[in-house]
Amino acid sequence: MTADGTVPGGVIAHGTLEGEPGFLTAGVVAPECGDARPGPDTVYDVASLTKVVATWPLIGSTGIDLDAPVRTFLAAVAAEAPGGQVTVGQILAHTTGLRADTRLDQYRGRTEDLAALICGEDLIAYPGAGHRYINRGFILAGLLLAQATGRRLDDLAADLWTSLGMTSTVYGPVARSSRVAPTEQRLAGTPRLWGIPHDDNAALLGGVAGHAGVFTTTADLATYATALLTGHRDDTELGRWLARSMTPQAAIEPGIYRGLAWIIADNGQVAYHHGFTGTSLYLAPATGRYLVICTNAVYHHQDNRTRLTPLRDLALKAITAEP
């Protein structure tokens, strides 16, 4: 995929909870980084993997009631606000019925609380009626985590990652260097996005959001995957949260379901999630296997991410194969 220009380069991590991860690398970090090759410690903007690396585990660890409406946690949301009735569980399952386009830029100049603005919009479907991938729900989840705990989302996440040994995982921005993979050039003749979130809405929130904004390495994602799989095996709180989250909540397509945040496949045996920039994380708790993909596929053009489909399909096939 580097030869045909789909991505400048990338890293794949694979392994089991019993051993050290293996890494496959290809290409370069980016032309701006000279001949620097990507490796386990190359930092990538993982985009929507933020949902399962930050927001999802934090909701599980704080014991937030999944059946509670978001207005329970968000003081600025009026009781009659359409989105106030949406539950935390519906956010994780992408069944909220909230407005589908994220477009926080439309609120520029408004003085109302962001949660009140989001929840004040008319719903596009009845909550719980069906699956539709909506970032606004996870933005609300990030806001309610902060209000429910009295702490910033990035502080909560930093403590979680430290406890798991994820020493290179942070909310952006991060300093530009040859260890950090640039993403997209938005305007000809201008610098690429490099160390700041590719997601416009996360950028508007200062880089800290429930749906996007995390930067991490393939090595840290392998550490995270190992922690989740070990917790599942040992029946820890984190492992029980993963098991609960792998129960299908809504159908996406035949054989593919949404659990709590994760996509569920292979008859409920595999959980995975993708990031818009060109990242993926796959878990197979029954076999103790995981697979991580980190690329900056949006480097050339946003449409290049669709060219990752064959690689992602192969990854899913590999993780579901008989050991």
C-alpha atoms as a PDB file:
ATOM      1  CA  MET A   1       0.000   0.000   0.000  1.00  0.00           C
ATOM      2  CA  THR A   2       3.025   2.250   0.192  1.00  0.00           C
ATOM      3  CA  ALA A   3       4.022   1.353  -3.380  1.00  0.00           C
ATOM      4  CA  ASP A   4       0.723   2.543  -4.868  1.00  0.00           C
ATOM      5  CA  GLY A   5       0.677   5.745  -2.829  1.00  0.00           C
ATOM      6  CA  THR A   6      -2.186   4.797  -0.551  1.00  0.00           C
ATOM      7  CA  VAL A   7      -0.118   5.654   2.529  1.00  0.00           C
ATOM      8  CA  PRO A   8       3.384   7.069   3.094  1.00  0.00           C
ATOM      9  CA  GLY A   9       4.025   4.238   5.540  1.00  0.00           C
ATOM     10  CA  GLY A  10       2.676   2.467   8.559  1.00  0.00           C
ATOM     11  CA  VAL A  11       3.067  -0.057  11.337  1.00  0.00           C
ATOM     12  CA  ILE A  12       1.170  -3.232  12.205  1.00  0.00           C
ATOM     13  CA  ALA A  13       1.381  -4.826  15.641  1.00  0.00           C
ATOM     14  CA  HIS A  14       0.217  -8.373  16.268  1.00  0.00           C
ATOM     15  CA  GLY A  15       0.388 -10.709  19.181  1.00  0.00           C
ATOM     16  CA  THR A  16      -1.282 -12.530  22.041  1.00  0.00           C
ATOM     17  CA  LEU A  17      -1.633 -11.750  25.709  1.00  0.00           C
ATOM     18  CA  GLU A  18       1.014 -14.351  26.486  1.00  0.00           C
ATOM     19  CA  GLY A  19       3.924 -12.903  24.528  1.00  0.00           C
ATOM     20  CA  GLU A  20       5.676  -9.830  23.216  1.00  0.00           C
ATOM     21  CA  PRO A  21       4.125  -8.070  20.218  1.00  0.00           C
ATOM     22  CA  GLY A  22       5.499  -8.432  16.742  1.00  0.00           C
ATOM     23  CA  PHE A  23       5.771  -5.395  14.476  1.00  0.00           C
ATOM     24  CA  LEU A  24       5.662  -5.030  10.707  1.00  0.00           C
ATOM     25  CA  THR A  25       6.689  -1.712   9.176  1.00  0.00           C
ATOM     26  CA  ALA A  26       6.677  -0.201   5.701  1.00  0.00           C
ATOM     27  CA  GLY A  27       7.443   3.054   3.921  1.00  0.00           C
ATOM     28  CA  VAL A  28       8.410   6.329   5.596  1.00  0.00           C
ATOM     29  CA  VAL A  29       6.726   8.425   8.270  1.00  0.00           C
ATOM     30  CA  ALA A  30       6.151  11.162   5.675  1.00  0.00           C
ATOM     31  CA  PRO A  31       8.231  13.113   3.130  1.00  0.00           C
ATOM     32  CA  GLU A  32       8.472  15.984   5.654  1.00  0.00           C
ATOM     33  CA  CYS A  33      10.346  13.599   7.952  1.00  0.00           C
ATOM     34  CA  GLY A  34      13.047  12.740   5.430  1.00  0.00           C
ATOM     35  CA  ASP A  35      14.025   9.081   5.344  1.00  0.00           C
ATOM     36  CA  ALA A  36      12.681   8.378   8.862  1.00  0.00           C
ATOM     37  CA  ARG A  37      10.940   5.032   8.827  1.00  0.00           C
ATOM     38  CA  PRO A  38       7.884   4.348  10.971  1.00  0.00           C
ATOM     39  CA  GLY A  39       8.243   2.037  13.921  1.00  0.00           C
ATOM     40  CA  PRO A  40       6.530   0.932  17.127  1.00  0.00           C
ATOM     41  CA  ASP A  41       7.170   4.355  18.707  1.00  0.00           C
ATOM     42  CA  THR A  42       5.958   6.504  15.801  1.00  0.00           C
ATOM     43  CA  VAL A  43       3.131   8.729  17.020  1.00  0.00           C
ATOM     44  CA  TYR A  44      -0.118   8.697  15.031  1.00  0.00           C
ATOM     45  CA  ASP A  45      -3.300  10.712  15.270  1.00  0.00           C
ATOM     46  CA  VAL A  46      -5.671   7.797  15.864  1.00  0.00           C
ATOM     47  CA  ALA A  47      -8.890   9.794  15.296  1.00  0.00           C
ATOM     48  CA  SER A  48     -11.962   7.747  16.266  1.00  0.00           C
ATOM     49  CA  LEU A  49      -9.914   5.133  18.101  1.00  0.00           C
ATOM     50  CA  THR A  50     -10.209   7.824  20.785  1.00  0.00           C
ATOM     51  CA  LYS A  51     -13.704   6.449  21.379  1.00  0.00           C
ATOM     52  CA  VAL A  52     -12.378   3.051  22.510  1.00  0.00           C
ATOM     53  CA  VAL A  53      -9.011   4.157  23.934  1.00  0.00           C
ATOM     54  CA  ALA A  54     -10.297   7.040  26.079  1.00  0.00           C
ATOM     55  CA  THR A  55     -14.068   7.552  26.352  1.00  0.00           C
ATOM     56  CA  TRP A  56     -15.211   3.915  26.457  1.00  0.00           C
ATOM     57  CA  PRO A  57     -12.826   2.682  29.189  1.00  0.00           C
ATOM     58  CA  LEU A  58     -13.418   5.826  31.263  1.00  0.00           C
ATOM     59  CA  ILE A  59     -17.181   5.308  31.217  1.00  0.00           C
ATOM     60  CA  GLY A  60     -16.622   1.706  32.291  1.00  0.00           C
ATOM     61  CA  SER A  61     -14.234   2.623  35.113  1.00  0.00           C
ATOM     62  CA  THR A  62     -16.371   5.426  36.547  1.00  0.00           C
ATOM     63  CA  GLY A  63     -19.440   3.242  36.895  1.00  0.00           C
ATOM     64  CA  ILE A  64     -21.752   5.654  35.084  1.00  0.00           C
ATOM     65  CA  ASP A  65     -25.280   4.300  34.740  1.00  0.00           C
ATOM     66  CA  LEU A  66     -25.751   3.409  31.088  1.00  0.00           C
ATOM     67  CA  ASP A  67     -29.531   3.724  31.398  1.00  0.00           C
ATOM     68  CA  ALA A  68     -29.358   7.288  32.722  1.00  0.00           C
ATOM     69  CA  PRO A  69     -30.279  10.137  30.355  1.00  0.00           C
ATOM     70  CA  VAL A  70     -27.447  12.557  29.639  1.00  0.00           C
ATOM     71  CA  ARG A  71     -29.338  15.434  31.286  1.00  0.00           C
ATOM     72  CA  THR A  72     -28.668  13.602  34.577  1.00  0.00           C
ATOM     73  CA  PHE A  73     -24.994  14.530  34.270  1.00  0.00           C
ATOM     74  CA  LEU A  74     -25.124  17.751  32.258  1.00  0.00           C
ATOM     75  CA  ALA A  75     -26.493  20.580  34.360  1.00  0.00           C
ATOM     76  CA  ALA A  76     -26.915  22.974  31.435  1.00  0.00           C
ATOM     77  CA  VAL A  77     -29.221  20.611  29.519  1.00  0.00           C
ATOM     78  CA  ALA A  78     -32.868  21.487  30.035  1.00  0.00           C
ATOM     79  CA  ALA A  79     -35.336  18.750  30.922  1.00  0.00           C
ATOM     80  CA  GLU A  80     -37.286  19.399  27.721  1.00  0.00           C
ATOM     81  CA  ALA A  81     -34.235  19.375  25.422  1.00  0.00           C
ATOM     82  CA  PRO A  82     -34.734  16.726  22.699  1.00  0.00           C
ATOM     83  CA  GLY A  83     -31.278  15.241  23.181  1.00  0.00           C
ATOM     84  CA  GLY A  84     -31.489  15.278  26.956  1.00  0.00           C
ATOM     85  CA  GLN A  85     -33.418  12.002  26.949  1.00  0.00           C
ATOM     86  CA  VAL A  86     -30.628  10.113  25.169  1.00  0.00           C
ATOM     87  CA  THR A  87     -28.947   7.613  27.470  1.00  0.00           C
ATOM     88  CA  VAL A  88     -25.259   6.936  27.949  1.00  0.00           C
ATOM     89  CA  GLY A  89     -25.758   3.392  26.668  1.00  0.00           C
ATOM     90  CA  GLN A  90     -27.367   4.699  23.478  1.00  0.00           C
ATOM     91  CA  ILE A  91     -24.371   6.960  22.949  1.00  0.00           C
ATOM     92  CA  LEU A  92     -22.010   3.992  23.177  1.00  0.00           C
ATOM     93  CA  ALA A  93     -24.238   1.942  20.857  1.00  0.00           C
ATOM     94  CA  HIS A  94     -24.646   4.775  18.323  1.00  0.00           C
ATOM     95  CA  THR A  95     -28.420   4.611  18.602  1.00  0.00           C
ATOM     96  CA  THR A  96     -29.029   8.121  19.956  1.00  0.00           C
ATOM     97  CA  GLY A  97     -30.930   9.658  17.055  1.00  0.00           C
ATOM     98  CA  LEU A  98     -28.856  12.822  17.528  1.00  0.00           C
ATOM     99  CA  ARG A  99     -28.101  15.058  14.572  1.00  0.00           C
ATOM    100  CA  ALA A 100     -25.823  13.145  12.219  1.00  0.00           C
ATOM    101  CA  ASP A 101     -23.447  15.883  11.052  1.00  0.00           C
ATOM    102  CA  THR A 102     -21.046  17.005  13.766  1.00  0.00           C
ATOM    103  CA  ARG A 103     -20.425  20.604  12.581  1.00  0.00           C
ATOM    104  CA  LEU A 104     -19.501  22.288  15.854  1.00  0.00           C
ATOM    105  CA  ASP A 105     -18.299  25.214  13.752  1.00  0.00           C
ATOM    106  CA  GLN A 106     -21.935  26.213  13.384  1.00  0.00           C
ATOM    107  CA  TYR A 107     -21.916  27.196  17.047  1.00  0.00           C
ATOM    108  CA  ARG A 108     -19.142  29.769  16.689  1.00  0.00           C
ATOM    109  CA  GLY A 109     -20.108  32.944  18.502  1.00  0.00           C
ATOM    110  CA  ARG A 110     -22.796  31.258  20.582  1.00  0.00           C
ATOM    111  CA  THR A 111     -22.557  31.733  24.339  1.00  0.00           C
ATOM    112  CA  GLU A 112     -24.647  28.746  25.426  1.00  0.00           C
ATOM    113  CA  ASP A 113     -23.086  25.631  26.942  1.00  0.00           C
ATOM    114  CA  LEU A 114     -21.984  23.196  24.213  1.00  0.00           C
ATOM    115  CA  ALA A 115     -23.922  20.288  25.731  1.00  0.00           C
ATOM    116  CA  ALA A 116     -27.069  22.423  25.774  1.00  0.00           C
ATOM    117  CA  LEU A 117     -26.552  23.355  22.125  1.00  0.00           C
ATOM    118  CA  ILE A 118     -26.080  19.729  21.050  1.00  0.00           C
ATOM    119  CA  CYS A 119     -29.028  18.454  23.070  1.00  0.00           C
ATOM    120  CA  GLY A 120     -31.218  21.340  21.941  1.00  0.00           C
ATOM    121  CA  GLU A 121     -31.133  20.176  18.321  1.00  0.00           C
ATOM    122  CA  ASP A 122     -34.070  18.156  16.999  1.00  0.00           C
ATOM    123  CA  LEU A 123     -33.489  14.403  16.887  1.00  0.00           C
ATOM    124  CA  ILE A 124     -33.334  12.656  13.512  1.00  0.00           C
ATOM    125  CA  ALA A 125     -34.645   9.375  14.948  1.00  0.00           C
ATOM    126  CA  TYR A 126     -36.187   8.088  18.129  1.00  0.00           C
ATOM    127  CA  PRO A 127     -33.437   7.126  20.627  1.00  0.00           C
ATOM    128  CA  GLY A 128     -32.733   3.406  20.468  1.00  0.00           C
ATOM    129  CA  ALA A 129     -34.529   2.947  17.159  1.00  0.00           C
ATOM    130  CA  GLY A 130     -31.500   1.919  15.095  1.00  0.00           C
ATOM    131  CA  HIS A 131     -27.786   2.277  14.423  1.00  0.00           C
ATOM    132  CA  ARG A 132     -26.199   5.373  12.933  1.00  0.00           C
ATOM    133  CA  TYR A 133     -22.597   6.356  13.606  1.00  0.00           C
ATOM    134  CA  ILE A 134     -22.761   9.779  15.261  1.00  0.00           C
ATOM    135  CA  ASN A 135     -19.820  11.668  16.759  1.00  0.00           C
ATOM    136  CA  ARG A 136     -22.017  14.081  18.685  1.00  0.00           C
ATOM    137  CA  GLY A 137     -22.916  11.383  21.179  1.00  0.00           C
ATOM    138  CA  PHE A 138     -19.290  10.746  22.066  1.00  0.00           C
ATOM    139  CA  ILE A 139     -18.665  14.476  22.333  1.00  0.00           C
ATOM    140  CA  LEU A 140     -21.473  14.552  24.907  1.00  0.00           C
ATOM    141  CA  ALA A 141     -19.909  11.531  26.626  1.00  0.00           C
ATOM    142  CA  GLY A 142     -16.635  13.413  26.999  1.00  0.00           C
ATOM    143  CA  LEU A 143     -18.450  16.417  28.445  1.00  0.00           C
ATOM    144  CA  LEU A 144     -20.472  14.349  30.902  1.00  0.00           C
ATOM    145  CA  LEU A 145     -17.390  12.449  32.070  1.00  0.00           C
ATOM    146  CA  ALA A 146     -15.806  15.764  32.984  1.00  0.00           C
ATOM    147  CA  GLN A 147     -18.918  17.006  34.782  1.00  0.00           C
ATOM    148  CA  ALA A 148     -19.619  13.726  36.567  1.00  0.00           C
ATOM    149  CA  THR A 149     -16.079  13.477  37.932  1.00  0.00           C
ATOM    150  CA  GLY A 150     -15.172  17.149  38.282  1.00  0.00           C
ATOM    151  CA  ARG A 151     -11.994  16.570  36.269  1.00  0.00           C
ATOM    152  CA  ARG A 152     -10.850  17.365  32.743  1.00  0.00           C
ATOM    153  CA  LEU A 153     -11.245  14.577  30.214  1.00  0.00           C
ATOM    154  CA  ASP A 154      -7.560  14.648  29.303  1.00  0.00           C
ATOM    155  CA  ASP A 155      -6.569  14.362  32.982  1.00  0.00           C
ATOM    156  CA  LEU A 156      -8.867  11.379  33.465  1.00  0.00           C
ATOM    157  CA  ALA A 157      -7.466   9.722  30.362  1.00  0.00           C
ATOM    158  CA  ALA A 158      -3.855  10.417  31.336  1.00  0.00           C
ATOM    159  CA  ASP A 159      -4.345   8.657  34.672  1.00  0.00           C
ATOM    160  CA  LEU A 160      -5.931   5.678  32.914  1.00  0.00           C
ATOM    161  CA  TRP A 161      -3.146   5.387  30.354  1.00  0.00           C
ATOM    162  CA  THR A 162      -0.456   5.710  33.020  1.00  0.00           C
ATOM    163  CA  SER A 163      -2.053   2.906  35.014  1.00  0.00           C
ATOM    164  CA  LEU A 164      -1.939   0.678  31.931  1.00  0.00           C
ATOM    165  CA  GLY A 165       1.665   1.508  31.030  1.00  0.00           C
ATOM    166  CA  MET A 166       0.762   3.525  27.919  1.00  0.00           C
ATOM    167  CA  THR A 167       3.580   6.048  28.235  1.00  0.00           C
ATOM    168  CA  SER A 168       3.274   7.652  24.779  1.00  0.00           C
ATOM    169  CA  THR A 169      -0.492   8.154  24.613  1.00  0.00           C
ATOM    170  CA  VAL A 170      -1.766  11.733  24.962  1.00  0.00           C
ATOM    171  CA  TYR A 171      -4.396  14.125  23.805  1.00  0.00           C
ATOM    172  CA  GLY A 172      -2.927  16.556  21.278  1.00  0.00           C
ATOM    173  CA  PRO A 173      -1.433  18.795  20.282  1.00  0.00           C
ATOM    174  CA  VAL A 174       2.005  17.219  20.211  1.00  0.00           C
ATOM    175  CA  ALA A 175       5.266  18.761  19.047  1.00  0.00           C
ATOM    176  CA  ARG A 176       6.252  18.213  15.416  1.00  0.00           C
ATOM    177  CA  SER A 177       9.116  15.806  14.902  1.00  0.00           C
ATOM    178  CA  SER A 178      10.122  12.896  12.707  1.00  0.00           C
ATOM    179  CA  ARG A 179       8.448  10.615  15.287  1.00  0.00           C
ATOM    180  CA  VAL A 180       5.038  12.204  14.632  1.00  0.00           C
ATOM    181  CA  ALA A 181       3.172  11.299  11.440  1.00  0.00           C
ATOM    182  CA  PRO A 182       1.699  14.312   9.590  1.00  0.00           C
ATOM    183  CA  THR A 183      -1.764  13.964   8.098  1.00  0.00           C
ATOM    184  CA  GLU A 184      -3.588  16.123   5.575  1.00  0.00           C
ATOM    185  CA  GLN A 185      -2.715  19.306   3.710  1.00  0.00           C
ATOM    186  CA  ARG A 186      -5.938  21.303   3.781  1.00  0.00           C
ATOM    187  CA  LEU A 187      -4.855  24.127   1.451  1.00  0.00           C
ATOM    188  CA  ALA A 188      -2.279  24.054  -1.349  1.00  0.00           C
ATOM    189  CA  GLY A 189       0.919  25.811  -0.379  1.00  0.00           C
ATOM    190  CA  THR A 190       0.296  25.552   3.352  1.00  0.00           C
ATOM    191  CA  PRO A 191       1.816  23.199   5.941  1.00  0.00           C
ATOM    192  CA  ARG A 192       0.172  19.883   6.648  1.00  0.00           C
ATOM    193  CA  LEU A 193      -1.642  19.111   9.854  1.00  0.00           C
ATOM    194  CA  TRP A 194       1.149  17.798  12.014  1.00  0.00           C
ATOM    195  CA  GLY A 195       0.729  17.132  15.699  1.00  0.00           C
ATOM    196  CA  ILE A 196      -2.724  18.710  15.831  1.00  0.00           C
ATOM    197  CA  PRO A 197      -5.973  16.766  15.450  1.00  0.00           C
ATOM    198  CA  HIS A 198      -7.066  15.974  11.927  1.00  0.00           C
ATOM    199  CA  ASP A 199     -10.665  16.098  13.134  1.00  0.00           C
ATOM    200  CA  ASP A 200     -11.923  19.680  12.847  1.00  0.00           C
ATOM    201  CA  ASN A 201     -14.401  19.321  15.682  1.00  0.00           C
ATOM    202  CA  ALA A 202     -11.805  17.950  18.085  1.00  0.00           C
ATOM    203  CA  ALA A 203      -9.571  20.865  17.111  1.00  0.00           C
ATOM    204  CA  LEU A 204     -12.382  23.308  17.948  1.00  0.00           C
ATOM    205  CA  LEU A 205     -12.528  21.724  21.398  1.00  0.00           C
ATOM    206  CA  GLY A 206      -8.822  22.373  21.938  1.00  0.00           C
ATOM    207  CA  GLY A 207      -7.821  18.870  20.884  1.00  0.00           C
ATOM    208  CA  VAL A 208      -9.588  17.186  23.809  1.00  0.00           C
ATOM    209  CA  ALA A 209     -12.865  15.480  22.879  1.00  0.00           C
ATOM    210  CA  GLY A 210     -14.747  12.267  23.479  1.00  0.00           C
ATOM    211  CA  HIS A 211     -14.788  11.279  19.824  1.00  0.00           C
ATOM    212  CA  ALA A 212     -11.272  12.163  18.568  1.00  0.00           C
ATOM    213  CA  GLY A 213      -8.041  13.900  19.495  1.00  0.00           C
ATOM    214  CA  VAL A 214      -5.802  11.131  20.881  1.00  0.00           C
ATOM    215  CA  PHE A 215      -2.252  10.563  19.639  1.00  0.00           C
ATOM    216  CA  THR A 216      -0.522   7.281  20.377  1.00  0.00           C
ATOM    217  CA  THR A 217       1.899   4.656  19.100  1.00  0.00           C
ATOM    218  CA  THR A 218       1.483   1.132  17.837  1.00  0.00           C
ATOM    219  CA  ALA A 219       3.479  -0.074  20.826  1.00  0.00           C
ATOM    220  CA  ASP A 220       1.072   1.605  23.252  1.00  0.00           C
ATOM    221  CA  LEU A 221      -1.949   0.198  21.433  1.00  0.00           C
ATOM    222  CA  ALA A 222      -0.397  -3.264  21.723  1.00  0.00           C
ATOM    223  CA  THR A 223       0.023  -2.619  25.459  1.00  0.00           C
ATOM    224  CA  TYR A 224      -3.618  -1.544  25.663  1.00  0.00           C
ATOM    225  CA  ALA A 225      -4.828  -4.581  23.742  1.00  0.00           C
ATOM    226  CA  THR A 226      -2.843  -6.875  26.015  1.00  0.00           C
ATOM    227  CA  ALA A 227      -4.358  -5.210  29.102  1.00  0.00           C
ATOM    228  CA  LEU A 228      -7.893  -5.669  27.755  1.00  0.00           C
ATOM    229  CA  LEU A 229      -7.321  -9.299  26.819  1.00  0.00           C
ATOM    230  CA  THR A 230      -5.606 -10.084  30.126  1.00  0.00           C
ATOM    231  CA  GLY A 231      -8.467  -8.450  31.999  1.00  0.00           C
ATOM    232  CA  HIS A 232     -10.943 -10.527  30.042  1.00  0.00           C
ATOM    233  CA  ARG A 233      -9.069 -13.719  30.894  1.00  0.00           C
ATOM    234  CA  ASP A 234      -8.658 -12.828  34.566  1.00  0.00           C
ATOM    235  CA  ASP A 235     -12.191 -11.447  34.999  1.00  0.00           C
ATOM    236  CA  THR A 236     -11.053  -8.010  36.172  1.00  0.00           C
ATOM    237  CA  GLU A 237     -13.262  -4.929  36.126  1.00  0.00           C
ATOM    238  CA  LEU A 238     -11.792  -3.894  32.772  1.00  0.00           C
ATOM    239  CA  GLY A 239     -12.241  -7.394  31.399  1.00  0.00           C
ATOM    240  CA  ARG A 240     -15.861  -7.558  32.514  1.00  0.00           C
ATOM    241  CA  TRP A 241     -16.473  -4.184  30.876  1.00  0.00           C
ATOM    242  CA  LEU A 242     -15.047  -5.537  27.623  1.00  0.00           C
ATOM    243  CA  ALA A 243     -17.215  -8.662  27.844  1.00  0.00           C
ATOM    244  CA  ARG A 244     -20.320  -6.581  28.496  1.00  0.00           C
ATOM    245  CA  SER A 245     -19.437  -4.298  25.617  1.00  0.00           C
ATOM    246  CA  MET A 246     -19.190  -7.217  23.197  1.00  0.00           C
ATOM    247  CA  THR A 247     -22.897  -7.960  23.569  1.00  0.00           C
ATOM    248  CA  PRO A 248     -24.551  -6.767  20.323  1.00  0.00           C
ATOM    249  CA  GLN A 249     -26.687  -3.660  20.793  1.00  0.00           C
ATOM    250  CA  ALA A 250     -27.676  -2.849  17.212  1.00  0.00           C
ATOM    251  CA  ALA A 251     -27.226  -4.347  13.751  1.00  0.00           C
ATOM    252  CA  ILE A 252     -24.905  -2.533  11.343  1.00  0.00           C
ATOM    253  CA  GLU A 253     -25.107  -5.054   8.494  1.00  0.00           C
ATOM    254  CA  PRO A 254     -25.606  -8.809   8.293  1.00  0.00           C
ATOM    255  CA  GLY A 255     -23.176 -10.453  10.703  1.00  0.00           C
ATOM    256  CA  ILE A 256     -21.780  -7.132  11.961  1.00  0.00           C
ATOM    257  CA  TYR A 257     -23.128  -5.457  15.077  1.00  0.00           C
ATOM    258  CA  ARG A 258     -22.422  -2.496  17.285  1.00  0.00           C
ATOM    259  CA  GLY A 259     -21.682  -3.383  20.875  1.00  0.00           C
ATOM    260  CA  LEU A 260     -20.883  -0.677  23.395  1.00  0.00           C
ATOM    261  CA  ALA A 261     -18.537   1.463  21.276  1.00  0.00           C
ATOM    262  CA  TRP A 262     -16.913  -1.539  19.559  1.00  0.00           C
ATOM    263  CA  ILE A 263     -17.954  -3.202  16.301  1.00  0.00           C
ATOM    264  CA  ILE A 264     -18.679  -6.880  16.940  1.00  0.00           C
ATOM    265  CA  ALA A 265     -18.074  -9.647  14.383  1.00  0.00           C
ATOM    266  CA  ASP A 266     -17.434 -13.395  14.070  1.00  0.00           C
ATOM    267  CA  ASN A 267     -20.514 -14.395  16.088  1.00  0.00           C
ATOM    268  CA  GLY A 268     -19.551 -12.106  18.933  1.00  0.00           C
ATOM    269  CA  GLN A 269     -15.958 -13.320  19.167  1.00  0.00           C
ATOM    270  CA  VAL A 270     -14.152 -10.249  17.768  1.00  0.00           C
ATOM    271  CA  ALA A 271     -14.317  -6.562  18.676  1.00  0.00           C
ATOM    272  CA  TYR A 272     -12.745  -3.860  16.531  1.00  0.00           C
ATOM    273  CA  HIS A 273     -12.810  -0.162  15.739  1.00  0.00           C
ATOM    274  CA  HIS A 274     -11.368   2.093  13.042  1.00  0.00           C
ATOM    275  CA  GLY A 275     -10.020   5.635  12.986  1.00  0.00           C
ATOM    276  CA  PHE A 276     -10.621   7.987  10.051  1.00  0.00           C
ATOM    277  CA  THR A 277      -6.925   8.794   9.671  1.00  0.00           C
ATOM    278  CA  GLY A 278      -6.083   5.161   8.872  1.00  0.00           C
ATOM    279  CA  THR A 279      -5.928   3.298  12.170  1.00  0.00           C
ATOM    280  CA  SER A 280      -7.562   0.111  13.465  1.00  0.00           C
ATOM    281  CA  LEU A 281      -7.595  -2.056  16.587  1.00  0.00           C
ATOM    282  CA  TYR A 282      -8.840  -5.672  16.643  1.00  0.00           C
ATOM    283  CA  LEU A 283      -9.366  -7.912  19.687  1.00  0.00           C
ATOM    284  CA  ALA A 284     -10.218 -11.611  19.878  1.00  0.00           C
ATOM    285  CA  PRO A 285     -10.649 -12.376  23.601  1.00  0.00           C
ATOM    286  CA  ALA A 286     -11.454 -16.060  23.092  1.00  0.00           C
ATOM    287  CA  THR A 287      -8.084 -16.693  21.468  1.00  0.00           C
ATOM    288  CA  GLY A 288      -6.166 -13.911  23.241  1.00  0.00           C
ATOM    289  CA  ARG A 289      -5.083 -12.344  19.954  1.00  0.00           C
ATOM    290  CA  TYR A 290      -4.942  -8.728  18.854  1.00  0.00           C
ATOM    291  CA  LEU A 291      -3.927  -6.744  15.796  1.00  0.00           C
ATOM    292  CA  VAL A 292      -3.188  -3.021  15.461  1.00  0.00           C
ATOM    293  CA  ILE A 293      -2.853  -0.922  12.297  1.00  0.00           C
ATOM    294  CA  CYS A 294      -1.412   2.598  12.389  1.00  0.00           C
ATOM    295  CA  THR A 295      -1.079   4.634   9.200  1.00  0.00           C
ATOM    296  CA  ASN A 296      -1.554   8.243   8.145  1.00  0.00           C
ATOM    297  CA  ALA A 297      -3.739   7.280   5.191  1.00  0.00           C
ATOM    298  CA  VAL A 298      -5.232  10.774   4.935  1.00  0.00           C
ATOM    299  CA  TYR A 299      -1.793  12.169   4.081  1.00  0.00           C
ATOM    300  CA  HIS A 300      -2.466  12.196   0.345  1.00  0.00           C
ATOM    301  CA  HIS A 301      -6.225  12.689   0.382  1.00  0.00           C
ATOM    302  CA  GLN A 302      -9.146  11.795   2.593  1.00  0.00           C
ATOM    303  CA  ASP A 303     -10.439   9.370  -0.030  1.00  0.00           C
ATOM    304  CA  ASN A 304      -7.303   7.257   0.413  1.00  0.00           C
ATOM    305  CA  ARG A 305      -8.743   5.864   3.636  1.00  0.00           C
ATOM    306  CA  THR A 306     -11.251   3.882   1.546  1.00  0.00           C
ATOM    307  CA  ARG A 307      -8.307   2.175  -0.096  1.00  0.00           C
ATOM    308  CA  LEU A 308      -7.500   0.667   3.295  1.00  0.00           C
ATOM    309  CA  THR A 309     -10.552  -1.585   3.003  1.00  0.00           C
ATOM    310  CA  PRO A 310      -8.598  -4.583   1.609  1.00  0.00           C
ATOM    311  CA  LEU A 311      -6.045  -4.317   4.430  1.00  0.00           C
ATOM    312  CA  ARG A 312      -8.767  -4.015   7.062  1.00  0.00           C
ATOM    313  CA  ASP A 313     -10.661  -6.946   5.573  1.00  0.00           C
ATOM    314  CA  LEU A 314      -7.476  -9.012   5.665  1.00  0.00           C
ATOM    315  CA  ALA A 315      -6.880  -8.005   9.283  1.00  0.00           C
ATOM    316  CA  LEU A 316     -10.382  -9.116  10.264  1.00  0.00           C
ATOM    317  CA  LYS A 317      -9.882 -12.398   8.432  1.00  0.00           C
ATOM    318  CA  ALA A 318      -6.566 -12.935  10.198  1.00  0.00           C
ATOM    319  CA  ILE A 319      -7.932 -12.242  13.679  1.00  0.00           C
ATOM    320  CA  THR A 320     -10.904 -14.551  13.144  1.00  0.00           C
ATOM    321  CA  ALA A 321      -8.902 -17.418  11.655  1.00  0.00           C
ATOM    322  CA  GLU A 322      -8.538 -20.621  13.631  1.00  0.00           C
ATOM    323  CA  PRO A 323      -5.366 -20.487  15.761  1.00  0.00           C
END
